[in-house]
Amino acid sequence: FSILVYSLGVLNYRHHDLLAAVVLHAPSVLPRFSTQNISNLLHGLGLVGFDRDDAFVMHVASHLATRLQECTAQDIANPVTALMRMVIPHDGLMHAIAAHLTS
Protein backbone atom coordinates (compact mmCIF):
# COMPACT_ATOMS: atom_id res chain seq x y z
CA PHE A 1 0.00 0.00 0.00
CA SER A 2 3.02 2.31 -0.05
CA ILE A 3 2.41 3.20 -3.69
CA LEU A 4 -1.17 4.09 -2.75
CA VAL A 5 0.10 6.60 -0.20
CA TYR A 6 2.53 7.93 -2.79
CA SER A 7 -0.37 8.33 -5.24
CA LEU A 8 -2.38 10.25 -2.64
CA GLY A 9 0.62 12.51 -2.18
CA VAL A 10 1.06 13.15 -5.90
CA LEU A 11 -2.61 14.08 -6.10
CA ASN A 12 -2.46 15.99 -2.79
CA TYR A 13 -5.54 14.11 -1.67
CA ARG A 14 -5.88 13.48 2.07
CA HIS A 15 -8.17 10.60 2.83
CA HIS A 16 -8.01 10.56 6.60
CA ASP A 17 -9.48 7.07 7.10
CA LEU A 18 -7.10 5.54 4.59
CA LEU A 19 -4.07 7.26 6.10
CA ALA A 20 -5.18 6.20 9.59
CA ALA A 21 -5.41 2.59 8.36
CA VAL A 22 -1.88 2.83 6.98
CA VAL A 23 -0.58 4.12 10.31
CA LEU A 24 -2.29 1.22 12.04
CA HIS A 25 -1.18 -1.59 9.72
CA ALA A 26 2.15 -0.55 8.21
CA PRO A 27 4.41 -1.20 11.21
CA SER A 28 3.73 -4.93 11.17
CA VAL A 29 4.56 -5.29 7.46
CA LEU A 30 7.56 -2.96 7.19
CA PRO A 31 10.04 -5.87 7.30
CA ARG A 32 8.39 -7.26 4.14
CA PHE A 33 8.50 -3.93 2.30
CA SER A 34 11.28 -3.25 -0.15
CA THR A 35 13.30 -0.14 0.60
CA GLN A 36 11.62 1.44 -2.42
CA ASN A 37 8.23 0.76 -0.79
CA ILE A 38 9.41 2.40 2.44
CA SER A 39 10.77 5.34 0.47
CA ASN A 40 7.48 5.74 -1.42
CA LEU A 41 5.51 5.57 1.82
CA LEU A 42 7.51 8.36 3.45
CA HIS A 43 7.65 10.42 0.26
CA GLY A 44 3.88 10.13 -0.19
CA LEU A 45 3.26 11.21 3.39
CA GLY A 46 5.49 14.21 2.84
CA LEU A 47 3.68 15.18 -0.35
CA VAL A 48 0.17 14.84 1.05
CA GLY A 49 0.85 17.02 4.07
CA PHE A 50 0.09 14.08 6.33
CA ASP A 51 -2.06 14.72 9.41
CA ARG A 52 0.94 13.89 11.35
CA ASP A 53 1.63 11.02 13.58
CA ASP A 54 5.27 11.90 14.19
CA ALA A 55 5.91 8.68 16.11
CA PHE A 56 4.78 6.66 13.08
CA VAL A 57 6.96 8.65 10.68
CA MET A 58 9.94 8.30 13.04
CA HIS A 59 9.34 4.55 13.32
CA VAL A 60 9.28 4.11 9.53
CA ALA A 61 12.41 6.26 9.11
CA SER A 62 14.18 4.32 11.86
CA HIS A 63 13.35 1.07 10.10
CA LEU A 64 14.75 2.43 6.85
CA ALA A 65 17.94 3.44 8.66
CA THR A 66 18.57 -0.23 9.46
CA ARG A 67 18.32 -1.19 5.78
CA LEU A 68 20.43 1.43 4.04
CA GLN A 69 22.68 -1.20 2.49
CA GLU A 70 19.64 -2.27 0.40
CA CYS A 71 18.82 1.28 -0.74
CA THR A 72 19.33 3.03 -4.01
CA ALA A 73 20.20 6.71 -3.95
CA GLN A 74 16.54 7.50 -4.68
CA ASP A 75 15.40 5.29 -1.77
CA ILE A 76 17.47 7.52 0.51
CA ALA A 77 16.77 10.90 -1.07
CA ASN A 78 12.96 10.67 -1.10
CA PRO A 79 12.57 10.02 2.64
CA VAL A 80 15.03 12.82 3.48
CA THR A 81 12.93 15.19 1.36
CA ALA A 82 9.75 13.92 3.02
CA LEU A 83 11.09 14.39 6.54
CA MET A 84 12.20 17.92 5.76
CA ARG A 85 8.86 18.70 4.11
CA MET A 86 7.04 17.47 7.24
CA VAL A 87 9.58 19.25 9.48
CA ILE A 88 10.35 16.03 11.33
CA PRO A 89 14.08 15.90 12.01
CA HIS A 90 15.49 12.40 12.39
CA ASP A 91 19.10 12.57 13.52
CA GLY A 92 19.38 8.79 13.65
CA LEU A 93 18.55 8.46 9.96
CA MET A 94 20.87 11.32 9.02
CA HIS A 95 23.76 9.83 11.00
CA ALA A 96 23.10 6.41 9.46
CA ILE A 97 23.11 7.93 5.96
CA ALA A 98 26.37 9.76 6.68
CA ALA A 99 27.98 6.53 7.93
CA HIS A 100 26.63 4.64 4.92
CA LEU A 101 28.05 7.20 2.50
CA THR A 102 31.48 7.13 4.08
CA SER A 103 31.76 3.35 4.46
PDB file of N, CA and C in Angstrom:
ATOM      1  N   PHE A   1       0.805  -1.215   0.000  1.00  0.00           N
ATOM      2  CA  PHE A   1       0.000   0.000   0.000  1.00  0.00           C
ATOM      3  C   PHE A   1       0.840   1.268   0.000  1.00  0.00           C
ATOM      4  N   SER A   2       2.163   1.114  -0.030  1.00  0.00           N
ATOM      5  CA  SER A   2       3.018   2.306  -0.045  1.00  0.00           C
ATOM      6  C   SER A   2       2.803   3.129  -1.310  1.00  0.00           C
ATOM      7  N   ILE A   3       2.614   2.460  -2.436  1.00  0.00           N
ATOM      8  CA  ILE A   3       2.409   3.201  -3.689  1.00  0.00           C
ATOM      9  C   ILE A   3       1.069   3.930  -3.663  1.00  0.00           C
ATOM     10  N   LEU A   4       0.116   3.405  -2.922  1.00  0.00           N
ATOM     11  CA  LEU A   4      -1.168   4.086  -2.753  1.00  0.00           C
ATOM     12  C   LEU A   4      -0.986   5.401  -2.005  1.00  0.00           C
ATOM     13  N   VAL A   5      -0.187   5.372  -0.947  1.00  0.00           N
ATOM     14  CA  VAL A   5       0.096   6.599  -0.199  1.00  0.00           C
ATOM     15  C   VAL A   5       0.856   7.577  -1.079  1.00  0.00           C
ATOM     16  N   TYR A   6       1.805   7.072  -1.856  1.00  0.00           N
ATOM     17  CA  TYR A   6       2.534   7.934  -2.790  1.00  0.00           C
ATOM     18  C   TYR A   6       1.557   8.580  -3.777  1.00  0.00           C
ATOM     19  N   SER A   7       0.621   7.795  -4.293  1.00  0.00           N
ATOM     20  CA  SER A   7      -0.365   8.333  -5.245  1.00  0.00           C
ATOM     21  C   SER A   7      -1.218   9.416  -4.602  1.00  0.00           C
ATOM     22  N   LEU A   8      -1.629   9.206  -3.350  1.00  0.00           N
ATOM     23  CA  LEU A   8      -2.378  10.249  -2.639  1.00  0.00           C
ATOM     24  C   LEU A   8      -1.551  11.524  -2.548  1.00  0.00           C
ATOM     25  N   GLY A   9      -0.261  11.351  -2.285  1.00  0.00           N
ATOM     26  CA  GLY A   9       0.622  12.507  -2.185  1.00  0.00           C
ATOM     27  C   GLY A   9       0.754  13.255  -3.486  1.00  0.00           C
ATOM     28  N   VAL A  10       0.932  12.512  -4.577  1.00  0.00           N
ATOM     29  CA  VAL A  10       1.064  13.146  -5.900  1.00  0.00           C
ATOM     30  C   VAL A  10      -0.191  13.945  -6.225  1.00  0.00           C
ATOM     31  N   LEU A  11      -1.341  13.400  -5.843  1.00  0.00           N
ATOM     32  CA  LEU A  11      -2.612  14.078  -6.103  1.00  0.00           C
ATOM     33  C   LEU A  11      -2.984  15.094  -5.027  1.00  0.00           C
ATOM     34  N   ASN A  12      -2.180  15.133  -3.946  1.00  0.00           N
ATOM     35  CA  ASN A  12      -2.459  15.987  -2.795  1.00  0.00           C
ATOM     36  C   ASN A  12      -3.883  15.772  -2.283  1.00  0.00           C
ATOM     37  N   TYR A  13      -4.218  14.498  -2.146  1.00  0.00           N
ATOM     38  CA  TYR A  13      -5.538  14.108  -1.673  1.00  0.00           C
ATOM     39  C   TYR A  13      -5.393  13.424  -0.321  1.00  0.00           C
ATOM     40  N   ARG A  14      -5.938  14.036   0.710  1.00  0.00           N
ATOM     41  CA  ARG A  14      -5.876  13.484   2.065  1.00  0.00           C
ATOM     42  C   ARG A  14      -7.150  12.718   2.372  1.00  0.00           C
ATOM     43  N   HIS A  15      -7.042  11.424   2.394  1.00  0.00           N
ATOM     44  CA  HIS A  15      -8.169  10.602   2.832  1.00  0.00           C
ATOM     45  C   HIS A  15      -7.819  10.125   4.234  1.00  0.00           C
ATOM     46  N   HIS A  16      -8.408  10.761   5.213  1.00  0.00           N
ATOM     47  CA  HIS A  16      -8.013  10.556   6.604  1.00  0.00           C
ATOM     48  C   HIS A  16      -8.172   9.102   7.063  1.00  0.00           C
ATOM     49  N   ASP A  17      -9.271   8.461   6.679  1.00  0.00           N
ATOM     50  CA  ASP A  17      -9.482   7.075   7.104  1.00  0.00           C
ATOM     51  C   ASP A  17      -8.431   6.146   6.493  1.00  0.00           C
ATOM     52  N   LEU A  18      -8.107   6.368   5.241  1.00  0.00           N
ATOM     53  CA  LEU A  18      -7.098   5.538   4.587  1.00  0.00           C
ATOM     54  C   LEU A  18      -5.731   5.749   5.223  1.00  0.00           C
ATOM     55  N   LEU A  19      -5.365   6.987   5.465  1.00  0.00           N
ATOM     56  CA  LEU A  19      -4.074   7.264   6.103  1.00  0.00           C
ATOM     57  C   LEU A  19      -4.030   6.708   7.525  1.00  0.00           C
ATOM     58  N   ALA A  20      -5.135   6.770   8.238  1.00  0.00           N
ATOM     59  CA  ALA A  20      -5.180   6.201   9.585  1.00  0.00           C
ATOM     60  C   ALA A  20      -5.000   4.686   9.531  1.00  0.00           C
ATOM     61  N   ALA A  21      -5.576   4.037   8.522  1.00  0.00           N
ATOM     62  CA  ALA A  21      -5.410   2.588   8.362  1.00  0.00           C
ATOM     63  C   ALA A  21      -3.959   2.239   8.067  1.00  0.00           C
ATOM     64  N   VAL A  22      -3.296   3.057   7.275  1.00  0.00           N
ATOM     65  CA  VAL A  22      -1.882   2.831   6.976  1.00  0.00           C
ATOM     66  C   VAL A  22      -1.055   2.922   8.259  1.00  0.00           C
ATOM     67  N   VAL A  23      -1.309   3.944   9.047  1.00  0.00           N
ATOM     68  CA  VAL A  23      -0.578   4.117  10.312  1.00  0.00           C
ATOM     69  C   VAL A  23      -0.788   2.905  11.215  1.00  0.00           C
ATOM     70  N   LEU A  24      -1.974   2.359  11.194  1.00  0.00           N
ATOM     71  CA  LEU A  24      -2.289   1.217  12.044  1.00  0.00           C
ATOM     72  C   LEU A  24      -1.617  -0.071  11.562  1.00  0.00           C
ATOM     73  N   HIS A  25      -1.622  -0.289  10.255  1.00  0.00           N
ATOM     74  CA  HIS A  25      -1.184  -1.588   9.724  1.00  0.00           C
ATOM     75  C   HIS A  25       0.240  -1.635   9.186  1.00  0.00           C
ATOM     76  N   ALA A  26       0.811  -0.528   8.815  1.00  0.00           N
ATOM     77  CA  ALA A  26       2.150  -0.546   8.210  1.00  0.00           C
ATOM     78  C   ALA A  26       3.247  -1.082   9.118  1.00  0.00           C
ATOM     79  N   PRO A  27       3.274  -0.732  10.399  1.00  0.00           N
ATOM     80  CA  PRO A  27       4.408  -1.200  11.213  1.00  0.00           C
ATOM     81  C   PRO A  27       4.629  -2.711  11.178  1.00  0.00           C
ATOM     82  N   SER A  28       3.573  -3.476  11.144  1.00  0.00           N
ATOM     83  CA  SER A  28       3.734  -4.933  11.166  1.00  0.00           C
ATOM     84  C   SER A  28       4.252  -5.500   9.847  1.00  0.00           C
ATOM     85  N   VAL A  29       4.109  -4.768   8.760  1.00  0.00           N
ATOM     86  CA  VAL A  29       4.555  -5.292   7.459  1.00  0.00           C
ATOM     87  C   VAL A  29       5.829  -4.625   6.941  1.00  0.00           C
ATOM     88  N   LEU A  30       6.347  -3.638   7.652  1.00  0.00           N
ATOM     89  CA  LEU A  30       7.562  -2.960   7.188  1.00  0.00           C
ATOM     90  C   LEU A  30       8.707  -3.916   6.856  1.00  0.00           C
ATOM     91  N   PRO A  31       8.937  -4.961   7.640  1.00  0.00           N
ATOM     92  CA  PRO A  31      10.040  -5.868   7.296  1.00  0.00           C
ATOM     93  C   PRO A  31       9.870  -6.551   5.935  1.00  0.00           C
ATOM     94  N   ARG A  32       8.641  -6.649   5.456  1.00  0.00           N
ATOM     95  CA  ARG A  32       8.390  -7.262   4.136  1.00  0.00           C
ATOM     96  C   ARG A  32       8.445  -6.245   3.004  1.00  0.00           C
ATOM     97  N   PHE A  33       8.431  -4.969   3.327  1.00  0.00           N
ATOM     98  CA  PHE A  33       8.503  -3.926   2.300  1.00  0.00           C
ATOM     99  C   PHE A  33       9.907  -3.874   1.711  1.00  0.00           C
ATOM    100  N   SER A  34       9.986  -3.585   0.431  1.00  0.00           N
ATOM    101  CA  SER A  34      11.284  -3.249  -0.146  1.00  0.00           C
ATOM    102  C   SER A  34      11.652  -1.852   0.337  1.00  0.00           C
ATOM    103  N   THR A  35      12.909  -1.499   0.201  1.00  0.00           N
ATOM    104  CA  THR A  35      13.304  -0.143   0.599  1.00  0.00           C
ATOM    105  C   THR A  35      12.634   0.890  -0.307  1.00  0.00           C
ATOM    106  N   GLN A  36      12.345   0.530  -1.538  1.00  0.00           N
ATOM    107  CA  GLN A  36      11.617   1.437  -2.425  1.00  0.00           C
ATOM    108  C   GLN A  36      10.201   1.661  -1.885  1.00  0.00           C
ATOM    109  N   ASN A  37       9.561   0.606  -1.380  1.00  0.00           N
ATOM    110  CA  ASN A  37       8.226   0.762  -0.786  1.00  0.00           C
ATOM    111  C   ASN A  37       8.267   1.698   0.411  1.00  0.00           C
ATOM    112  N   ILE A  38       9.280   1.543   1.257  1.00  0.00           N
ATOM    113  CA  ILE A  38       9.412   2.399   2.438  1.00  0.00           C
ATOM    114  C   ILE A  38       9.646   3.841   2.005  1.00  0.00           C
ATOM    115  N   SER A  39      10.495   4.015   1.012  1.00  0.00           N
ATOM    116  CA  SER A  39      10.770   5.339   0.468  1.00  0.00           C
ATOM    117  C   SER A  39       9.495   5.979  -0.078  1.00  0.00           C
ATOM    118  N   ASN A  40       8.735   5.217  -0.853  1.00  0.00           N
ATOM    119  CA  ASN A  40       7.484   5.735  -1.423  1.00  0.00           C
ATOM    120  C   ASN A  40       6.485   6.095  -0.335  1.00  0.00           C
ATOM    121  N   LEU A  41       6.422   5.283   0.709  1.00  0.00           N
ATOM    122  CA  LEU A  41       5.512   5.566   1.816  1.00  0.00           C
ATOM    123  C   LEU A  41       5.851   6.909   2.463  1.00  0.00           C
ATOM    124  N   LEU A  42       7.110   7.098   2.819  1.00  0.00           N
ATOM    125  CA  LEU A  42       7.506   8.361   3.453  1.00  0.00           C
ATOM    126  C   LEU A  42       7.359   9.536   2.494  1.00  0.00           C
ATOM    127  N   HIS A  43       7.753   9.338   1.248  1.00  0.00           N
ATOM    128  CA  HIS A  43       7.651  10.416   0.262  1.00  0.00           C
ATOM    129  C   HIS A  43       6.189  10.822   0.067  1.00  0.00           C
ATOM    130  N   GLY A  44       5.299   9.832  -0.028  1.00  0.00           N
ATOM    131  CA  GLY A  44       3.878  10.134  -0.189  1.00  0.00           C
ATOM    132  C   GLY A  44       3.316  10.892   0.999  1.00  0.00           C
ATOM    133  N   LEU A  45       3.720  10.492   2.201  1.00  0.00           N
ATOM    134  CA  LEU A  45       3.255  11.208   3.394  1.00  0.00           C
ATOM    135  C   LEU A  45       3.741  12.654   3.381  1.00  0.00           C
ATOM    136  N   GLY A  46       4.960  12.858   2.932  1.00  0.00           N
ATOM    137  CA  GLY A  46       5.487  14.214   2.841  1.00  0.00           C
ATOM    138  C   GLY A  46       4.748  15.053   1.818  1.00  0.00           C
ATOM    139  N   LEU A  47       4.387  14.442   0.709  1.00  0.00           N
ATOM    140  CA  LEU A  47       3.675  15.176  -0.346  1.00  0.00           C
ATOM    141  C   LEU A  47       2.244  15.528   0.044  1.00  0.00           C
ATOM    142  N   VAL A  48       1.586  14.626   0.749  1.00  0.00           N
ATOM    143  CA  VAL A  48       0.173  14.838   1.049  1.00  0.00           C
ATOM    144  C   VAL A  48      -0.038  15.790   2.219  1.00  0.00           C
ATOM    145  N   GLY A  49       1.041  16.159   2.903  1.00  0.00           N
ATOM    146  CA  GLY A  49       0.849  17.018   4.072  1.00  0.00           C
ATOM    147  C   GLY A  49       0.126  16.242   5.150  1.00  0.00           C
ATOM    148  N   PHE A  50       0.642  15.068   5.398  1.00  0.00           N
ATOM    149  CA  PHE A  50       0.088  14.079   6.326  1.00  0.00           C
ATOM    150  C   PHE A  50      -0.363  14.715   7.625  1.00  0.00           C
ATOM    151  N   ASP A  51      -1.586  14.348   8.070  1.00  0.00           N
ATOM    152  CA  ASP A  51      -2.058  14.724   9.408  1.00  0.00           C
ATOM    153  C   ASP A  51      -1.204  13.938  10.375  1.00  0.00           C
ATOM    154  N   ARG A  52      -0.229  14.569  10.849  1.00  0.00           N
ATOM    155  CA  ARG A  52       0.942  13.895  11.354  1.00  0.00           C
ATOM    156  C   ARG A  52       0.744  13.025  12.573  1.00  0.00           C
ATOM    157  N   ASP A  53       1.377  11.901  12.454  1.00  0.00           N
ATOM    158  CA  ASP A  53       1.632  11.019  13.578  1.00  0.00           C
ATOM    159  C   ASP A  53       3.150  10.894  13.567  1.00  0.00           C
ATOM    160  N   ASP A  54       3.809  11.840  14.233  1.00  0.00           N
ATOM    161  CA  ASP A  54       5.267  11.903  14.188  1.00  0.00           C
ATOM    162  C   ASP A  54       5.920  10.605  14.640  1.00  0.00           C
ATOM    163  N   ALA A  55       5.333   9.941  15.619  1.00  0.00           N
ATOM    164  CA  ALA A  55       5.905   8.684  16.108  1.00  0.00           C
ATOM    165  C   ALA A  55       5.905   7.633  14.998  1.00  0.00           C
ATOM    166  N   PHE A  56       4.848   7.598  14.200  1.00  0.00           N
ATOM    167  CA  PHE A  56       4.785   6.657  13.081  1.00  0.00           C
ATOM    168  C   PHE A  56       5.854   6.977  12.050  1.00  0.00           C
ATOM    169  N   VAL A  57       5.959   8.232  11.673  1.00  0.00           N
ATOM    170  CA  VAL A  57       6.963   8.648  10.685  1.00  0.00           C
ATOM    171  C   VAL A  57       8.365   8.323  11.196  1.00  0.00           C
ATOM    172  N   MET A  58       8.626   8.605  12.453  1.00  0.00           N
ATOM    173  CA  MET A  58       9.940   8.299  13.037  1.00  0.00           C
ATOM    174  C   MET A  58      10.207   6.799  13.030  1.00  0.00           C
ATOM    175  N   HIS A  59       9.188   6.000  13.322  1.00  0.00           N
ATOM    176  CA  HIS A  59       9.336   4.547  13.317  1.00  0.00           C
ATOM    177  C   HIS A  59       9.700   4.047  11.913  1.00  0.00           C
ATOM    178  N   VAL A  60       9.003   4.537  10.914  1.00  0.00           N
ATOM    179  CA  VAL A  60       9.281   4.114   9.533  1.00  0.00           C
ATOM    180  C   VAL A  60      10.689   4.547   9.124  1.00  0.00           C
ATOM    181  N   ALA A  61      11.068   5.771   9.441  1.00  0.00           N
ATOM    182  CA  ALA A  61      12.415   6.258   9.107  1.00  0.00           C
ATOM    183  C   ALA A  61      13.487   5.468   9.850  1.00  0.00           C
ATOM    184  N   SER A  62      13.227   5.125  11.093  1.00  0.00           N
ATOM    185  CA  SER A  62      14.182   4.324  11.855  1.00  0.00           C
ATOM    186  C   SER A  62      14.353   2.943  11.240  1.00  0.00           C
ATOM    187  N   HIS A  63      13.271   2.371  10.774  1.00  0.00           N
ATOM    188  CA  HIS A  63      13.352   1.071  10.103  1.00  0.00           C
ATOM    189  C   HIS A  63      14.199   1.187   8.833  1.00  0.00           C
ATOM    190  N   LEU A  64      13.961   2.232   8.071  1.00  0.00           N
ATOM    191  CA  LEU A  64      14.748   2.426   6.853  1.00  0.00           C
ATOM    192  C   LEU A  64      16.231   2.570   7.180  1.00  0.00           C
ATOM    193  N   ALA A  65      16.545   3.239   8.262  1.00  0.00           N
ATOM    194  CA  ALA A  65      17.945   3.439   8.657  1.00  0.00           C
ATOM    195  C   ALA A  65      18.672   2.115   8.874  1.00  0.00           C
ATOM    196  N   THR A  66      17.942   1.076   9.246  1.00  0.00           N
ATOM    197  CA  THR A  66      18.567  -0.232   9.462  1.00  0.00           C
ATOM    198  C   THR A  66      18.776  -0.999   8.168  1.00  0.00           C
ATOM    199  N   ARG A  67      18.256  -0.466   7.063  1.00  0.00           N
ATOM    200  CA  ARG A  67      18.315  -1.194   5.785  1.00  0.00           C
ATOM    201  C   ARG A  67      18.980  -0.390   4.667  1.00  0.00           C
ATOM    202  N   LEU A  68      19.813   0.567   5.046  1.00  0.00           N
ATOM    203  CA  LEU A  68      20.434   1.435   4.037  1.00  0.00           C
ATOM    204  C   LEU A  68      21.271   0.676   3.029  1.00  0.00           C
ATOM    205  N   GLN A  69      21.859  -0.439   3.417  1.00  0.00           N
ATOM    206  CA  GLN A  69      22.683  -1.203   2.488  1.00  0.00           C
ATOM    207  C   GLN A  69      21.851  -1.744   1.319  1.00  0.00           C
ATOM    208  N   GLU A  70      20.538  -1.812   1.462  1.00  0.00           N
ATOM    209  CA  GLU A  70      19.641  -2.268   0.398  1.00  0.00           C
ATOM    210  C   GLU A  70      19.166  -1.130  -0.497  1.00  0.00           C
ATOM    211  N   CYS A  71      19.410   0.109  -0.090  1.00  0.00           N
ATOM    212  CA  CYS A  71      18.815   1.281  -0.736  1.00  0.00           C
ATOM    213  C   CYS A  71      19.554   1.734  -1.979  1.00  0.00           C
ATOM    214  N   THR A  72      18.776   2.249  -2.911  1.00  0.00           N
ATOM    215  CA  THR A  72      19.333   3.028  -4.012  1.00  0.00           C
ATOM    216  C   THR A  72      19.446   4.469  -3.521  1.00  0.00           C
ATOM    217  N   ALA A  73      20.097   5.291  -4.309  1.00  0.00           N
ATOM    218  CA  ALA A  73      20.198   6.715  -3.954  1.00  0.00           C
ATOM    219  C   ALA A  73      18.804   7.338  -3.826  1.00  0.00           C
ATOM    220  N   GLN A  74      17.897   6.952  -4.709  1.00  0.00           N
ATOM    221  CA  GLN A  74      16.540   7.498  -4.675  1.00  0.00           C
ATOM    222  C   GLN A  74      15.799   7.046  -3.417  1.00  0.00           C
ATOM    223  N   ASP A  75      16.038   5.796  -2.988  1.00  0.00           N
ATOM    224  CA  ASP A  75      15.400   5.286  -1.767  1.00  0.00           C
ATOM    225  C   ASP A  75      15.812   6.093  -0.539  1.00  0.00           C
ATOM    226  N   ILE A  76      16.985   6.704  -0.605  1.00  0.00           N
ATOM    227  CA  ILE A  76      17.475   7.519   0.509  1.00  0.00           C
ATOM    228  C   ILE A  76      17.021   8.973   0.353  1.00  0.00           C
ATOM    229  N   ALA A  77      17.083   9.487  -0.850  1.00  0.00           N
ATOM    230  CA  ALA A  77      16.765  10.901  -1.073  1.00  0.00           C
ATOM    231  C   ALA A  77      15.294  11.223  -0.816  1.00  0.00           C
ATOM    232  N   ASN A  78      14.389  10.377  -1.275  1.00  0.00           N
ATOM    233  CA  ASN A  78      12.962  10.670  -1.099  1.00  0.00           C
ATOM    234  C   ASN A  78      12.549  10.792   0.365  1.00  0.00           C
ATOM    235  N   PRO A  79      12.950   9.865   1.232  1.00  0.00           N
ATOM    236  CA  PRO A  79      12.573  10.024   2.639  1.00  0.00           C
ATOM    237  C   PRO A  79      13.187  11.259   3.296  1.00  0.00           C
ATOM    238  N   VAL A  80      14.414  11.607   2.916  1.00  0.00           N
ATOM    239  CA  VAL A  80      15.026  12.817   3.475  1.00  0.00           C
ATOM    240  C   VAL A  80      14.183  14.032   3.084  1.00  0.00           C
ATOM    241  N   THR A  81      13.791  14.094   1.823  1.00  0.00           N
ATOM    242  CA  THR A  81      12.930  15.186   1.360  1.00  0.00           C
ATOM    243  C   THR A  81      11.614  15.195   2.127  1.00  0.00           C
ATOM    244  N   ALA A  82      11.038  14.019   2.314  1.00  0.00           N
ATOM    245  CA  ALA A  82       9.751  13.922   3.021  1.00  0.00           C
ATOM    246  C   ALA A  82       9.870  14.404   4.459  1.00  0.00           C
ATOM    247  N   LEU A  83      10.913  13.968   5.143  1.00  0.00           N
ATOM    248  CA  LEU A  83      11.092  14.386   6.539  1.00  0.00           C
ATOM    249  C   LEU A  83      11.259  15.898   6.645  1.00  0.00           C
ATOM    250  N   MET A  84      12.013  16.476   5.727  1.00  0.00           N
ATOM    251  CA  MET A  84      12.203  17.924   5.757  1.00  0.00           C
ATOM    252  C   MET A  84      10.901  18.646   5.416  1.00  0.00           C
ATOM    253  N   ARG A  85      10.145  18.100   4.479  1.00  0.00           N
ATOM    254  CA  ARG A  85       8.860  18.701   4.106  1.00  0.00           C
ATOM    255  C   ARG A  85       7.887  18.680   5.289  1.00  0.00           C
ATOM    256  N   MET A  86       7.922  17.589   6.076  1.00  0.00           N
ATOM    257  CA  MET A  86       7.040  17.469   7.238  1.00  0.00           C
ATOM    258  C   MET A  86       7.634  18.125   8.480  1.00  0.00           C
ATOM    259  N   VAL A  87       8.863  18.632   8.368  1.00  0.00           N
ATOM    260  CA  VAL A  87       9.582  19.247   9.477  1.00  0.00           C
ATOM    261  C   VAL A  87       9.680  18.261  10.656  1.00  0.00           C
ATOM    262  N   ILE A  88      10.112  17.067  10.323  1.00  0.00           N
ATOM    263  CA  ILE A  88      10.348  16.034  11.328  1.00  0.00           C
ATOM    264  C   ILE A  88      11.822  15.650  11.239  1.00  0.00           C
ATOM    265  N   PRO A  89      12.665  16.261  12.049  1.00  0.00           N
ATOM    266  CA  PRO A  89      14.084  15.904  12.010  1.00  0.00           C
ATOM    267  C   PRO A  89      14.302  14.503  12.566  1.00  0.00           C
ATOM    268  N   HIS A  90      15.187  13.754  11.929  1.00  0.00           N
ATOM    269  CA  HIS A  90      15.485  12.400  12.393  1.00  0.00           C
ATOM    270  C   HIS A  90      17.002  12.232  12.358  1.00  0.00           C
ATOM    271  N   ASP A  91      17.640  12.620  13.458  1.00  0.00           N
ATOM    272  CA  ASP A  91      19.096  12.569  13.519  1.00  0.00           C
ATOM    273  C   ASP A  91      19.637  11.167  13.316  1.00  0.00           C
ATOM    274  N   GLY A  92      18.920  10.167  13.811  1.00  0.00           N
ATOM    275  CA  GLY A  92      19.383   8.789  13.646  1.00  0.00           C
ATOM    276  C   GLY A  92      19.496   8.392  12.192  1.00  0.00           C
ATOM    277  N   LEU A  93      18.501   8.759  11.396  1.00  0.00           N
ATOM    278  CA  LEU A  93      18.555   8.457   9.962  1.00  0.00           C
ATOM    279  C   LEU A  93      19.680   9.235   9.300  1.00  0.00           C
ATOM    280  N   MET A  94      19.822  10.499   9.638  1.00  0.00           N
ATOM    281  CA  MET A  94      20.869  11.322   9.017  1.00  0.00           C
ATOM    282  C   MET A  94      22.263  10.796   9.358  1.00  0.00           C
ATOM    283  N   HIS A  95      22.471  10.401  10.607  1.00  0.00           N
ATOM    284  CA  HIS A  95      23.763   9.831  11.000  1.00  0.00           C
ATOM    285  C   HIS A  95      24.012   8.505  10.277  1.00  0.00           C
ATOM    286  N   ALA A  96      22.954   7.690  10.162  1.00  0.00           N
ATOM    287  CA  ALA A  96      23.104   6.410   9.460  1.00  0.00           C
ATOM    288  C   ALA A  96      23.442   6.635   7.991  1.00  0.00           C
ATOM    289  N   ILE A  97      22.811   7.621   7.368  1.00  0.00           N
ATOM    290  CA  ILE A  97      23.110   7.933   5.962  1.00  0.00           C
ATOM    291  C   ILE A  97      24.553   8.400   5.832  1.00  0.00           C
ATOM    292  N   ALA A  98      24.985   9.272   6.720  1.00  0.00           N
ATOM    293  CA  ALA A  98      26.375   9.758   6.685  1.00  0.00           C
ATOM    294  C   ALA A  98      27.359   8.600   6.825  1.00  0.00           C
ATOM    295  N   ALA A  99      27.085   7.691   7.750  1.00  0.00           N
ATOM    296  CA  ALA A  99      27.977   6.531   7.935  1.00  0.00           C
ATOM    297  C   ALA A  99      27.946   5.631   6.703  1.00  0.00           C
ATOM    298  N   HIS A 100      26.772   5.464   6.123  1.00  0.00           N
ATOM    299  CA  HIS A 100      26.626   4.639   4.922  1.00  0.00           C
ATOM    300  C   HIS A 100      27.423   5.227   3.756  1.00  0.00           C
ATOM    301  N   LEU A 101      27.349   6.534   3.603  1.00  0.00           N
ATOM    302  CA  LEU A 101      28.046   7.201   2.497  1.00  0.00           C
ATOM    303  C   LEU A 101      29.551   7.144   2.639  1.00  0.00           C
ATOM    304  N   THR A 102      30.028   7.103   3.855  1.00  0.00           N
ATOM    305  CA  THR A 102      31.479   7.128   4.075  1.00  0.00           C
ATOM    306  C   THR A 102      32.084   5.747   4.311  1.00  0.00           C
ATOM    307  N   SER A 103      31.241   4.708   4.227  1.00  0.00           N
ATOM    308  CA  SER A 103      31.756   3.350   4.462  1.00  0.00           C
ATOM    309  C   SER A 103      32.239   2.684   3.172  1.00  0.00           C
TER     310      SER A 103
END
